[in-house]
Amino acid sequence: MLLFIKLHNMKKIIILAIGLFAATAASAQSPIRLGVKAGLNIPDIIKGDGNNDFDTKVNPGFNAGITLDIPLITGLAFTPELLYATKGYKAETAFGNFTQTTHFIDIPILATINLGGSGLNLVAGPQVSFLTKTNNKFDSGFGTVEETIIEDKSDRFKKSLVGGLIGFRYDINDKVDIHGRYALDFQKNNEDGSRETPEYRNQVFSVGLGLKF
């Protein structure tokens, strides 16, 4: 029953986000541009004050999803997104190599500011992330152990996190853009880190390609 309630709540949040996209689009005075985007994620973590005496490396992943470009006034647009993204980190220990890959639904709520009438734009705004599952992999050199944790069945991590994002978008033409950005969670993944479940915040550099219709 608890699993059903959590899944139902996540579905409601995603439906509300899509509804917000649609309502904003309906009230806008200028043409709305629907788009898709995909890119490379270069994530790592910022460790907290818990039992985190280990070094980490980036764990490359991806992001993909849909976007809306809603002009508000000249040079300013509201550009919300709905993305599937992978994050995480790699760590080398005395006993082997550990890799954690986390899977999120990200909802960036962005403002896009055009710079000087050119194709270059500044993008910035808050982001809400919903954790869906976690993949852990440990390679001891003699064998590999893997586990997948469906996060609705686990209380080890927070299921939703608030963060922020800043970056750029360059419009090659009216349909294609390239972009780069940095995203940081303002909240920790948990509040009582341990060696088994370390306390950290996600940070992600990403680059990608967008297409508007």
N, C-alpha and C. Protein backbone atom coordinates (compact mmCIF):
# COMPACT_ATOMS: atom_id res chain seq x y z
N MET A 1 0.83 -1.20 0.00
CA MET A 1 0.00 0.00 0.00
C MET A 1 0.86 1.26 0.00
N LEU A 2 1.94 1.26 0.83
CA LEU A 2 2.83 2.42 0.88
C LEU A 2 3.49 2.66 -0.47
N LEU A 3 3.91 1.57 -1.13
CA LEU A 3 4.52 1.70 -2.45
C LEU A 3 3.54 2.32 -3.42
N PHE A 4 2.27 1.89 -3.38
CA PHE A 4 1.26 2.43 -4.28
C PHE A 4 1.07 3.92 -4.05
N ILE A 5 1.03 4.34 -2.78
CA ILE A 5 0.82 5.75 -2.45
C ILE A 5 1.98 6.60 -2.97
N LYS A 6 3.23 6.11 -2.79
CA LYS A 6 4.39 6.87 -3.25
C LYS A 6 4.40 6.99 -4.77
N LEU A 7 4.12 5.89 -5.47
CA LEU A 7 4.05 5.94 -6.92
C LEU A 7 2.96 6.89 -7.39
N HIS A 8 1.82 6.83 -6.70
CA HIS A 8 0.70 7.70 -7.06
C HIS A 8 1.07 9.16 -6.87
N ASN A 9 1.77 9.48 -5.78
CA ASN A 9 2.17 10.86 -5.52
C ASN A 9 3.15 11.36 -6.57
N MET A 10 4.11 10.51 -6.98
CA MET A 10 5.07 10.91 -8.01
C MET A 10 4.36 11.16 -9.33
N LYS A 11 3.40 10.30 -9.67
CA LYS A 11 2.64 10.50 -10.91
C LYS A 11 1.88 11.82 -10.86
N LYS A 12 1.30 12.15 -9.70
CA LYS A 12 0.56 13.41 -9.58
C LYS A 12 1.47 14.61 -9.79
N ILE A 13 2.69 14.53 -9.24
CA ILE A 13 3.63 15.65 -9.39
C ILE A 13 4.01 15.83 -10.85
N ILE A 14 4.28 14.73 -11.54
CA ILE A 14 4.65 14.82 -12.96
C ILE A 14 3.48 15.34 -13.78
N ILE A 15 2.27 14.88 -13.47
CA ILE A 15 1.08 15.38 -14.18
C ILE A 15 0.89 16.87 -13.92
N LEU A 16 1.13 17.32 -12.68
CA LEU A 16 1.03 18.74 -12.37
C LEU A 16 2.06 19.55 -13.16
N ALA A 17 3.27 18.99 -13.29
CA ALA A 17 4.31 19.68 -14.06
C ALA A 17 3.90 19.83 -15.51
N ILE A 18 3.36 18.75 -16.09
CA ILE A 18 2.89 18.81 -17.48
C ILE A 18 1.73 19.80 -17.60
N GLY A 19 0.85 19.80 -16.58
CA GLY A 19 -0.26 20.76 -16.58
C GLY A 19 0.23 22.19 -16.53
N LEU A 20 1.29 22.43 -15.73
CA LEU A 20 1.88 23.77 -15.66
C LEU A 20 2.43 24.18 -17.02
N PHE A 21 3.10 23.25 -17.71
CA PHE A 21 3.60 23.53 -19.05
C PHE A 21 2.44 23.97 -19.95
N ALA A 22 1.37 23.18 -19.93
CA ALA A 22 0.25 23.43 -20.83
C ALA A 22 -0.46 24.74 -20.49
N ALA A 23 -0.67 25.00 -19.19
CA ALA A 23 -1.37 26.22 -18.78
C ALA A 23 -0.57 27.46 -19.14
N THR A 24 0.74 27.40 -18.93
CA THR A 24 1.59 28.54 -19.27
C THR A 24 1.59 28.77 -20.76
N ALA A 25 1.65 27.67 -21.51
CA ALA A 25 1.63 27.79 -22.97
C ALA A 25 0.33 28.41 -23.45
N ALA A 26 -0.79 28.02 -22.84
CA ALA A 26 -2.09 28.52 -23.26
C ALA A 26 -2.24 30.01 -22.99
N SER A 27 -1.58 30.52 -21.93
CA SER A 27 -1.73 31.92 -21.56
C SER A 27 -0.70 32.83 -22.23
N ALA A 28 0.29 32.25 -22.89
CA ALA A 28 1.33 33.06 -23.51
C ALA A 28 0.80 33.77 -24.75
N GLN A 29 1.38 34.95 -25.04
CA GLN A 29 0.92 35.76 -26.15
C GLN A 29 1.68 35.47 -27.44
N SER A 30 2.85 34.87 -27.35
CA SER A 30 3.68 34.61 -28.52
C SER A 30 3.67 33.12 -28.82
N PRO A 31 4.13 32.75 -30.03
CA PRO A 31 4.14 31.32 -30.39
C PRO A 31 4.97 30.49 -29.41
N ILE A 32 4.44 29.34 -29.07
CA ILE A 32 5.10 28.43 -28.15
C ILE A 32 5.89 27.41 -28.96
N ARG A 33 7.11 27.13 -28.52
CA ARG A 33 7.94 26.17 -29.22
C ARG A 33 8.13 24.93 -28.35
N LEU A 34 7.63 23.80 -28.83
CA LEU A 34 7.88 22.52 -28.18
C LEU A 34 9.19 21.96 -28.72
N GLY A 35 9.97 21.34 -27.86
CA GLY A 35 11.24 20.80 -28.30
C GLY A 35 11.61 19.52 -27.59
N VAL A 36 12.67 18.92 -28.08
CA VAL A 36 13.27 17.76 -27.43
C VAL A 36 14.75 18.05 -27.26
N LYS A 37 15.36 17.40 -26.28
CA LYS A 37 16.79 17.61 -26.06
C LYS A 37 17.40 16.34 -25.51
N ALA A 38 18.71 16.21 -25.69
CA ALA A 38 19.45 15.09 -25.14
C ALA A 38 20.90 15.53 -24.99
N GLY A 39 21.59 14.90 -24.04
CA GLY A 39 22.96 15.30 -23.84
C GLY A 39 23.72 14.38 -22.91
N LEU A 40 24.97 14.75 -22.71
CA LEU A 40 25.90 14.02 -21.85
C LEU A 40 25.92 14.65 -20.47
N ASN A 41 25.73 13.83 -19.44
CA ASN A 41 25.90 14.27 -18.05
C ASN A 41 27.28 13.87 -17.55
N ILE A 42 27.93 14.79 -16.84
CA ILE A 42 29.22 14.51 -16.21
C ILE A 42 29.04 14.77 -14.71
N PRO A 43 28.49 13.80 -13.99
CA PRO A 43 28.13 14.02 -12.58
C PRO A 43 29.22 13.56 -11.61
N ASP A 44 29.20 14.19 -10.46
CA ASP A 44 30.00 13.78 -9.31
C ASP A 44 29.21 14.21 -8.08
N ILE A 45 29.80 14.10 -6.92
CA ILE A 45 29.10 14.47 -5.70
C ILE A 45 29.93 15.43 -4.87
N ILE A 46 29.25 16.22 -4.05
CA ILE A 46 29.89 17.03 -3.02
C ILE A 46 29.57 16.36 -1.70
N LYS A 47 30.59 15.86 -1.04
CA LYS A 47 30.38 15.07 0.17
C LYS A 47 30.03 15.96 1.35
N GLY A 48 29.22 15.40 2.27
CA GLY A 48 28.81 16.12 3.46
C GLY A 48 29.79 15.90 4.60
N ASP A 49 29.29 16.09 5.81
CA ASP A 49 30.14 16.00 7.00
C ASP A 49 30.09 14.63 7.67
N GLY A 50 29.45 13.67 7.01
CA GLY A 50 29.33 12.34 7.62
C GLY A 50 30.59 11.52 7.43
N ASN A 51 30.44 10.20 7.46
CA ASN A 51 31.58 9.29 7.34
C ASN A 51 31.92 9.12 5.86
N ASN A 52 32.59 10.13 5.29
CA ASN A 52 32.81 10.18 3.85
C ASN A 52 34.29 10.27 3.51
N ASP A 53 35.11 9.45 4.14
CA ASP A 53 36.55 9.51 3.94
C ASP A 53 36.96 8.67 2.72
N PHE A 54 36.52 9.11 1.54
CA PHE A 54 36.88 8.42 0.31
C PHE A 54 36.88 9.45 -0.82
N ASP A 55 37.65 9.17 -1.87
CA ASP A 55 37.73 10.05 -3.03
C ASP A 55 36.78 9.55 -4.11
N THR A 56 36.24 10.49 -4.88
CA THR A 56 35.29 10.13 -5.93
C THR A 56 35.73 10.66 -7.28
N LYS A 57 35.18 10.03 -8.33
CA LYS A 57 35.39 10.45 -9.70
C LYS A 57 34.03 10.56 -10.38
N VAL A 58 34.03 11.21 -11.56
CA VAL A 58 32.77 11.38 -12.29
C VAL A 58 32.29 10.03 -12.81
N ASN A 59 30.97 9.92 -12.94
CA ASN A 59 30.32 8.73 -13.48
C ASN A 59 29.46 9.17 -14.66
N PRO A 60 30.01 9.21 -15.88
CA PRO A 60 29.29 9.77 -17.02
C PRO A 60 27.92 9.13 -17.23
N GLY A 61 26.95 9.97 -17.60
CA GLY A 61 25.59 9.51 -17.84
C GLY A 61 24.95 10.31 -18.96
N PHE A 62 23.63 10.43 -18.93
CA PHE A 62 22.93 11.12 -20.00
C PHE A 62 21.69 11.81 -19.45
N ASN A 63 21.12 12.69 -20.27
CA ASN A 63 19.81 13.27 -20.00
C ASN A 63 19.05 13.37 -21.30
N ALA A 64 17.73 13.27 -21.23
CA ALA A 64 16.89 13.38 -22.42
C ALA A 64 15.48 13.73 -21.98
N GLY A 65 14.78 14.51 -22.82
CA GLY A 65 13.42 14.86 -22.46
C GLY A 65 12.82 15.90 -23.38
N ILE A 66 11.78 16.58 -22.87
CA ILE A 66 11.05 17.57 -23.65
C ILE A 66 11.21 18.95 -23.04
N THR A 67 11.06 19.97 -23.88
CA THR A 67 11.21 21.35 -23.45
C THR A 67 10.07 22.20 -24.02
N LEU A 68 9.82 23.32 -23.37
CA LEU A 68 8.94 24.35 -23.90
C LEU A 68 9.69 25.67 -23.90
N ASP A 69 9.53 26.43 -24.96
CA ASP A 69 10.11 27.77 -25.05
C ASP A 69 8.95 28.75 -25.18
N ILE A 70 8.71 29.52 -24.11
CA ILE A 70 7.53 30.38 -24.04
C ILE A 70 7.99 31.83 -23.91
N PRO A 71 7.99 32.61 -25.00
CA PRO A 71 8.42 34.01 -24.92
C PRO A 71 7.51 34.82 -24.00
N LEU A 72 8.13 35.65 -23.16
CA LEU A 72 7.37 36.52 -22.26
C LEU A 72 7.43 37.97 -22.73
N ILE A 73 8.65 38.49 -22.84
CA ILE A 73 8.88 39.80 -23.43
C ILE A 73 10.11 39.67 -24.32
N THR A 74 10.45 40.71 -25.05
CA THR A 74 11.61 40.65 -25.92
C THR A 74 12.87 40.32 -25.12
N GLY A 75 13.53 39.24 -25.51
CA GLY A 75 14.77 38.85 -24.87
C GLY A 75 14.62 37.98 -23.64
N LEU A 76 13.37 37.66 -23.24
CA LEU A 76 13.15 36.85 -22.03
C LEU A 76 12.10 35.79 -22.31
N ALA A 77 12.40 34.54 -21.94
CA ALA A 77 11.46 33.44 -22.15
C ALA A 77 11.42 32.55 -20.92
N PHE A 78 10.27 31.92 -20.73
CA PHE A 78 10.09 30.89 -19.70
C PHE A 78 10.30 29.54 -20.39
N THR A 79 11.26 28.74 -19.89
CA THR A 79 11.63 27.51 -20.59
C THR A 79 11.68 26.32 -19.63
N PRO A 80 10.53 25.79 -19.23
CA PRO A 80 10.52 24.59 -18.38
C PRO A 80 10.88 23.35 -19.17
N GLU A 81 11.38 22.33 -18.46
CA GLU A 81 11.79 21.08 -19.09
C GLU A 81 11.33 19.90 -18.24
N LEU A 82 11.19 18.76 -18.87
CA LEU A 82 10.89 17.51 -18.18
C LEU A 82 11.88 16.47 -18.71
N LEU A 83 12.81 16.03 -17.84
CA LEU A 83 13.95 15.24 -18.29
C LEU A 83 14.10 13.95 -17.49
N TYR A 84 14.63 12.94 -18.16
CA TYR A 84 15.13 11.74 -17.48
C TYR A 84 16.65 11.86 -17.46
N ALA A 85 17.26 11.68 -16.28
CA ALA A 85 18.69 11.92 -16.16
C ALA A 85 19.33 10.89 -15.24
N THR A 86 20.57 10.53 -15.57
CA THR A 86 21.36 9.67 -14.69
C THR A 86 22.49 10.48 -14.08
N LYS A 87 22.76 10.20 -12.80
CA LYS A 87 23.81 10.90 -12.05
C LYS A 87 24.59 9.86 -11.27
N GLY A 88 25.42 10.30 -10.32
CA GLY A 88 26.14 9.34 -9.50
C GLY A 88 27.62 9.65 -9.39
N TYR A 89 28.40 8.62 -9.03
CA TYR A 89 29.84 8.80 -8.84
C TYR A 89 30.54 7.45 -8.88
N LYS A 90 31.87 7.51 -8.99
CA LYS A 90 32.72 6.34 -8.87
C LYS A 90 33.70 6.57 -7.73
N ALA A 91 34.06 5.50 -7.03
CA ALA A 91 35.01 5.61 -5.92
C ALA A 91 35.95 4.42 -5.93
N GLU A 92 37.22 4.70 -5.67
CA GLU A 92 38.22 3.64 -5.52
C GLU A 92 38.46 3.42 -4.04
N THR A 93 38.35 2.17 -3.60
CA THR A 93 38.57 1.83 -2.20
C THR A 93 39.71 0.82 -2.10
N ALA A 94 40.10 0.52 -0.88
CA ALA A 94 41.17 -0.46 -0.67
C ALA A 94 40.72 -1.86 -1.07
N PHE A 95 39.41 -2.06 -1.20
CA PHE A 95 38.88 -3.39 -1.49
C PHE A 95 38.40 -3.54 -2.92
N GLY A 96 38.36 -2.43 -3.68
CA GLY A 96 37.90 -2.51 -5.06
C GLY A 96 37.27 -1.20 -5.50
N ASN A 97 36.62 -1.25 -6.65
CA ASN A 97 36.02 -0.06 -7.25
C ASN A 97 34.50 -0.10 -7.12
N PHE A 98 33.94 1.04 -6.66
CA PHE A 98 32.50 1.14 -6.45
C PHE A 98 31.93 2.18 -7.41
N THR A 99 30.80 1.85 -8.05
CA THR A 99 30.11 2.78 -8.94
C THR A 99 28.64 2.86 -8.53
N GLN A 100 28.17 4.08 -8.34
CA GLN A 100 26.75 4.29 -8.05
C GLN A 100 26.14 5.15 -9.15
N THR A 101 25.04 4.66 -9.74
CA THR A 101 24.31 5.39 -10.76
C THR A 101 22.89 5.62 -10.27
N THR A 102 22.50 6.88 -10.15
CA THR A 102 21.16 7.22 -9.69
C THR A 102 20.34 7.72 -10.88
N HIS A 103 19.06 7.37 -10.89
CA HIS A 103 18.16 7.70 -12.00
C HIS A 103 17.10 8.68 -11.49
N PHE A 104 16.96 9.81 -12.18
CA PHE A 104 16.08 10.88 -11.73
C PHE A 104 15.12 11.33 -12.84
N ILE A 105 13.96 11.83 -12.41
CA ILE A 105 13.13 12.69 -13.24
C ILE A 105 13.44 14.12 -12.79
N ASP A 106 14.02 14.92 -13.68
CA ASP A 106 14.37 16.30 -13.37
C ASP A 106 13.36 17.25 -14.01
N ILE A 107 12.95 18.27 -13.24
CA ILE A 107 12.06 19.31 -13.77
C ILE A 107 12.72 20.66 -13.54
N PRO A 108 13.56 21.12 -14.49
CA PRO A 108 14.11 22.48 -14.40
C PRO A 108 13.03 23.50 -14.77
N ILE A 109 12.94 24.58 -13.99
CA ILE A 109 11.98 25.66 -14.24
C ILE A 109 12.82 26.90 -14.50
N LEU A 110 13.07 27.19 -15.78
CA LEU A 110 14.15 28.09 -16.16
C LEU A 110 13.65 29.39 -16.79
N ALA A 111 14.46 30.42 -16.60
CA ALA A 111 14.34 31.66 -17.37
C ALA A 111 15.48 31.68 -18.37
N THR A 112 15.18 32.07 -19.61
CA THR A 112 16.19 32.19 -20.65
C THR A 112 16.29 33.65 -21.07
N ILE A 113 17.49 34.20 -20.93
CA ILE A 113 17.73 35.62 -21.21
C ILE A 113 18.65 35.72 -22.42
N ASN A 114 18.16 36.34 -23.47
CA ASN A 114 18.98 36.53 -24.66
C ASN A 114 20.01 37.63 -24.42
N LEU A 115 21.24 37.40 -24.88
CA LEU A 115 22.33 38.34 -24.64
C LEU A 115 22.63 39.14 -25.90
N GLY A 116 22.19 40.37 -25.91
CA GLY A 116 22.55 41.31 -26.97
C GLY A 116 21.95 41.01 -28.33
N GLY A 117 20.82 40.33 -28.38
CA GLY A 117 20.19 40.06 -29.67
C GLY A 117 20.90 39.02 -30.50
N SER A 118 21.85 38.31 -29.91
CA SER A 118 22.60 37.28 -30.63
C SER A 118 21.93 35.92 -30.42
N GLY A 119 22.61 34.86 -30.84
CA GLY A 119 22.09 33.53 -30.59
C GLY A 119 22.45 32.99 -29.21
N LEU A 120 23.21 33.77 -28.44
CA LEU A 120 23.67 33.32 -27.13
C LEU A 120 22.67 33.70 -26.05
N ASN A 121 22.34 32.73 -25.18
CA ASN A 121 21.36 32.94 -24.12
C ASN A 121 21.90 32.44 -22.78
N LEU A 122 21.57 33.15 -21.72
CA LEU A 122 21.83 32.69 -20.36
C LEU A 122 20.58 31.97 -19.86
N VAL A 123 20.75 30.79 -19.25
CA VAL A 123 19.62 30.07 -18.66
C VAL A 123 19.91 29.85 -17.18
N ALA A 124 18.88 30.02 -16.35
CA ALA A 124 19.05 29.84 -14.91
C ALA A 124 17.69 29.63 -14.27
N GLY A 125 17.70 28.92 -13.14
CA GLY A 125 16.46 28.72 -12.41
C GLY A 125 16.54 27.54 -11.47
N PRO A 126 15.48 27.29 -10.72
CA PRO A 126 15.43 26.14 -9.80
C PRO A 126 15.17 24.84 -10.54
N GLN A 127 15.43 23.75 -9.86
CA GLN A 127 15.18 22.42 -10.41
C GLN A 127 14.70 21.49 -9.30
N VAL A 128 13.68 20.71 -9.59
CA VAL A 128 13.20 19.69 -8.67
C VAL A 128 13.51 18.32 -9.29
N SER A 129 14.10 17.43 -8.49
CA SER A 129 14.52 16.12 -8.98
C SER A 129 13.86 15.02 -8.16
N PHE A 130 13.35 14.00 -8.86
CA PHE A 130 12.67 12.88 -8.21
C PHE A 130 13.46 11.60 -8.49
N LEU A 131 13.96 10.99 -7.44
CA LEU A 131 14.76 9.77 -7.55
C LEU A 131 13.85 8.58 -7.84
N THR A 132 14.20 7.79 -8.87
CA THR A 132 13.38 6.63 -9.23
C THR A 132 14.06 5.31 -8.87
N LYS A 133 15.38 5.22 -9.12
CA LYS A 133 16.09 3.99 -8.74
C LYS A 133 17.58 4.27 -8.64
N THR A 134 18.27 3.35 -7.98
CA THR A 134 19.72 3.44 -7.78
C THR A 134 20.36 2.11 -8.17
N ASN A 135 21.42 2.20 -8.98
CA ASN A 135 22.21 1.02 -9.34
C ASN A 135 23.58 1.11 -8.67
N ASN A 136 23.94 0.09 -7.92
CA ASN A 136 25.26 0.01 -7.28
C ASN A 136 26.04 -1.15 -7.89
N LYS A 137 27.34 -0.91 -8.11
CA LYS A 137 28.21 -1.94 -8.67
C LYS A 137 29.54 -1.92 -7.93
N PHE A 138 29.98 -3.08 -7.46
CA PHE A 138 31.26 -3.19 -6.77
C PHE A 138 32.10 -4.25 -7.46
N ASP A 139 33.31 -3.84 -7.87
CA ASP A 139 34.24 -4.74 -8.55
C ASP A 139 35.47 -4.91 -7.67
N SER A 140 35.65 -6.11 -7.13
CA SER A 140 36.77 -6.38 -6.23
C SER A 140 38.04 -6.80 -6.96
N GLY A 141 37.94 -6.99 -8.27
CA GLY A 141 39.06 -7.53 -9.03
C GLY A 141 38.97 -9.03 -9.18
N PHE A 142 38.21 -9.67 -8.30
CA PHE A 142 37.99 -11.11 -8.37
C PHE A 142 36.57 -11.44 -8.82
N GLY A 143 35.71 -10.44 -8.76
CA GLY A 143 34.32 -10.63 -9.14
C GLY A 143 33.56 -9.33 -9.00
N THR A 144 32.34 -9.31 -9.54
CA THR A 144 31.52 -8.10 -9.53
C THR A 144 30.18 -8.39 -8.87
N VAL A 145 29.76 -7.48 -8.00
CA VAL A 145 28.46 -7.57 -7.35
C VAL A 145 27.64 -6.35 -7.77
N GLU A 146 26.41 -6.56 -8.21
CA GLU A 146 25.54 -5.47 -8.62
C GLU A 146 24.20 -5.57 -7.91
N GLU A 147 23.59 -4.41 -7.62
CA GLU A 147 22.25 -4.37 -7.06
C GLU A 147 21.49 -3.19 -7.63
N THR A 148 20.19 -3.36 -7.78
CA THR A 148 19.31 -2.28 -8.21
C THR A 148 18.29 -2.04 -7.11
N ILE A 149 18.19 -0.78 -6.68
CA ILE A 149 17.27 -0.42 -5.60
C ILE A 149 16.16 0.44 -6.20
N ILE A 150 14.93 -0.05 -6.16
CA ILE A 150 13.78 0.76 -6.55
C ILE A 150 13.48 1.66 -5.37
N GLU A 151 13.62 2.97 -5.57
CA GLU A 151 13.66 3.86 -4.41
C GLU A 151 12.34 3.99 -3.67
N ASP A 152 11.22 3.63 -4.29
CA ASP A 152 9.96 3.64 -3.55
C ASP A 152 9.93 2.55 -2.49
N LYS A 153 10.86 1.59 -2.58
CA LYS A 153 10.91 0.52 -1.60
C LYS A 153 12.02 0.74 -0.57
N SER A 154 12.71 1.87 -0.65
CA SER A 154 13.85 2.11 0.22
C SER A 154 13.73 3.47 0.88
N ASP A 155 14.19 3.57 2.12
CA ASP A 155 14.21 4.84 2.83
C ASP A 155 15.64 5.36 3.00
N ARG A 156 16.59 4.83 2.22
CA ARG A 156 17.98 5.24 2.39
C ARG A 156 18.23 6.65 1.88
N PHE A 157 17.52 7.05 0.79
CA PHE A 157 17.74 8.35 0.18
C PHE A 157 16.44 9.14 0.16
N LYS A 158 16.57 10.48 0.12
CA LYS A 158 15.41 11.32 -0.12
C LYS A 158 14.90 11.06 -1.54
N LYS A 159 13.59 11.07 -1.69
CA LYS A 159 13.00 10.77 -2.99
C LYS A 159 12.86 12.01 -3.86
N SER A 160 12.90 13.20 -3.26
CA SER A 160 12.83 14.44 -4.04
C SER A 160 13.84 15.43 -3.48
N LEU A 161 14.47 16.17 -4.39
CA LEU A 161 15.52 17.12 -4.03
C LEU A 161 15.31 18.42 -4.79
N VAL A 162 15.58 19.54 -4.12
CA VAL A 162 15.50 20.85 -4.75
C VAL A 162 16.91 21.34 -5.01
N GLY A 163 17.11 21.89 -6.20
CA GLY A 163 18.43 22.39 -6.56
C GLY A 163 18.32 23.61 -7.46
N GLY A 164 19.43 23.95 -8.08
CA GLY A 164 19.47 25.09 -8.99
C GLY A 164 20.34 24.78 -10.18
N LEU A 165 20.21 25.60 -11.21
CA LEU A 165 20.88 25.34 -12.48
C LEU A 165 21.25 26.67 -13.13
N ILE A 166 22.42 26.71 -13.74
CA ILE A 166 22.83 27.88 -14.52
C ILE A 166 23.65 27.40 -15.71
N GLY A 167 23.53 28.10 -16.84
CA GLY A 167 24.27 27.68 -18.01
C GLY A 167 24.01 28.59 -19.19
N PHE A 168 24.29 28.08 -20.38
CA PHE A 168 24.10 28.85 -21.59
C PHE A 168 23.39 28.00 -22.64
N ARG A 169 22.80 28.67 -23.60
CA ARG A 169 22.25 28.01 -24.79
C ARG A 169 22.60 28.86 -25.99
N TYR A 170 23.14 28.22 -27.01
CA TYR A 170 23.44 28.94 -28.25
C TYR A 170 22.54 28.42 -29.36
N ASP A 171 21.71 29.32 -29.91
CA ASP A 171 20.79 28.95 -30.98
C ASP A 171 21.53 29.01 -32.31
N ILE A 172 21.80 27.84 -32.88
CA ILE A 172 22.47 27.79 -34.18
C ILE A 172 21.56 28.36 -35.26
N ASN A 173 20.29 28.00 -35.19
CA ASN A 173 19.25 28.59 -36.03
C ASN A 173 17.94 28.52 -35.24
N ASP A 174 16.80 28.71 -35.88
CA ASP A 174 15.54 28.75 -35.12
C ASP A 174 15.05 27.37 -34.71
N LYS A 175 15.76 26.32 -35.10
CA LYS A 175 15.34 24.96 -34.74
C LYS A 175 16.36 24.20 -33.89
N VAL A 176 17.63 24.51 -34.03
CA VAL A 176 18.69 23.71 -33.40
C VAL A 176 19.51 24.58 -32.45
N ASP A 177 19.82 24.02 -31.27
CA ASP A 177 20.68 24.73 -30.33
C ASP A 177 21.65 23.75 -29.68
N ILE A 178 22.73 24.30 -29.17
CA ILE A 178 23.64 23.55 -28.31
C ILE A 178 23.65 24.23 -26.95
N HIS A 179 23.91 23.47 -25.90
CA HIS A 179 23.84 24.06 -24.57
C HIS A 179 24.80 23.38 -23.61
N GLY A 180 25.17 24.11 -22.60
CA GLY A 180 25.98 23.59 -21.51
C GLY A 180 25.50 24.19 -20.21
N ARG A 181 25.56 23.43 -19.13
CA ARG A 181 25.03 23.92 -17.86
C ARG A 181 25.64 23.20 -16.67
N TYR A 182 25.45 23.82 -15.51
CA TYR A 182 25.88 23.22 -14.24
C TYR A 182 24.69 23.20 -13.31
N ALA A 183 24.41 22.04 -12.72
CA ALA A 183 23.30 21.88 -11.78
C ALA A 183 23.83 21.38 -10.45
N LEU A 184 23.23 21.88 -9.37
CA LEU A 184 23.66 21.51 -8.02
C LEU A 184 22.44 21.31 -7.14
N ASP A 185 22.40 20.20 -6.41
CA ASP A 185 21.34 19.99 -5.42
C ASP A 185 21.61 20.87 -4.20
N PHE A 186 20.57 21.54 -3.71
CA PHE A 186 20.71 22.32 -2.48
C PHE A 186 20.53 21.44 -1.25
N GLN A 187 19.92 20.27 -1.43
CA GLN A 187 19.66 19.36 -0.32
C GLN A 187 20.57 18.14 -0.42
N LYS A 188 20.89 17.56 0.74
CA LYS A 188 21.67 16.33 0.78
C LYS A 188 20.78 15.13 0.45
N ASN A 189 21.42 14.06 -0.04
CA ASN A 189 20.67 12.85 -0.35
C ASN A 189 20.08 12.20 0.89
N ASN A 190 20.74 12.37 2.04
CA ASN A 190 20.19 11.95 3.33
C ASN A 190 20.83 12.81 4.41
N GLU A 191 20.38 12.68 5.62
CA GLU A 191 20.86 13.56 6.69
C GLU A 191 21.76 12.85 7.69
N ASP A 192 21.99 11.55 7.52
CA ASP A 192 22.82 10.81 8.48
C ASP A 192 23.72 9.84 7.72
N GLY A 193 24.70 10.41 7.01
CA GLY A 193 25.56 9.61 6.17
C GLY A 193 26.31 8.54 6.93
N SER A 194 26.57 7.43 6.25
CA SER A 194 27.35 6.34 6.80
C SER A 194 28.24 5.80 5.69
N ARG A 195 29.11 4.87 6.02
CA ARG A 195 29.97 4.29 5.00
C ARG A 195 29.15 3.57 3.94
N GLU A 196 28.02 2.96 4.36
CA GLU A 196 27.17 2.25 3.42
C GLU A 196 26.32 3.21 2.59
N THR A 197 25.87 4.28 3.20
CA THR A 197 25.04 5.27 2.51
C THR A 197 25.60 6.66 2.81
N PRO A 198 26.63 7.08 2.09
CA PRO A 198 27.29 8.35 2.41
C PRO A 198 26.37 9.54 2.17
N GLU A 199 26.66 10.60 2.88
CA GLU A 199 25.89 11.84 2.81
C GLU A 199 26.52 12.75 1.76
N TYR A 200 25.72 13.18 0.77
CA TYR A 200 26.29 14.01 -0.29
C TYR A 200 25.20 14.80 -1.01
N ARG A 201 25.66 15.74 -1.87
CA ARG A 201 24.79 16.46 -2.80
C ARG A 201 25.27 16.17 -4.21
N ASN A 202 24.33 16.04 -5.14
CA ASN A 202 24.69 15.83 -6.54
C ASN A 202 25.12 17.13 -7.19
N GLN A 203 26.12 17.04 -8.05
CA GLN A 203 26.46 18.14 -8.94
C GLN A 203 26.69 17.55 -10.33
N VAL A 204 26.23 18.27 -11.36
CA VAL A 204 26.28 17.73 -12.71
C VAL A 204 26.65 18.84 -13.70
N PHE A 205 27.71 18.60 -14.46
CA PHE A 205 27.99 19.39 -15.65
C PHE A 205 27.38 18.63 -16.83
N SER A 206 26.77 19.36 -17.76
CA SER A 206 26.17 18.67 -18.91
C SER A 206 26.32 19.51 -20.17
N VAL A 207 26.39 18.82 -21.29
CA VAL A 207 26.37 19.45 -22.61
C VAL A 207 25.37 18.68 -23.45
N GLY A 208 24.75 19.38 -24.41
CA GLY A 208 23.75 18.67 -25.19
C GLY A 208 23.30 19.43 -26.42
N LEU A 209 22.33 18.82 -27.08
CA LEU A 209 21.77 19.34 -28.33
C LEU A 209 20.26 19.40 -28.19
N GLY A 210 19.66 20.51 -28.64
CA GLY A 210 18.22 20.67 -28.59
C GLY A 210 17.63 20.87 -29.97
N LEU A 211 16.38 20.45 -30.13
CA LEU A 211 15.67 20.59 -31.40
C LEU A 211 14.27 21.12 -31.11
N LYS A 212 13.90 22.23 -31.75
CA LYS A 212 12.57 22.82 -31.57
C LYS A 212 11.71 22.55 -32.81
N PHE A 213 10.41 22.40 -32.56
CA PHE A 213 9.47 22.11 -33.65
C PHE A 213 8.66 23.36 -34.00
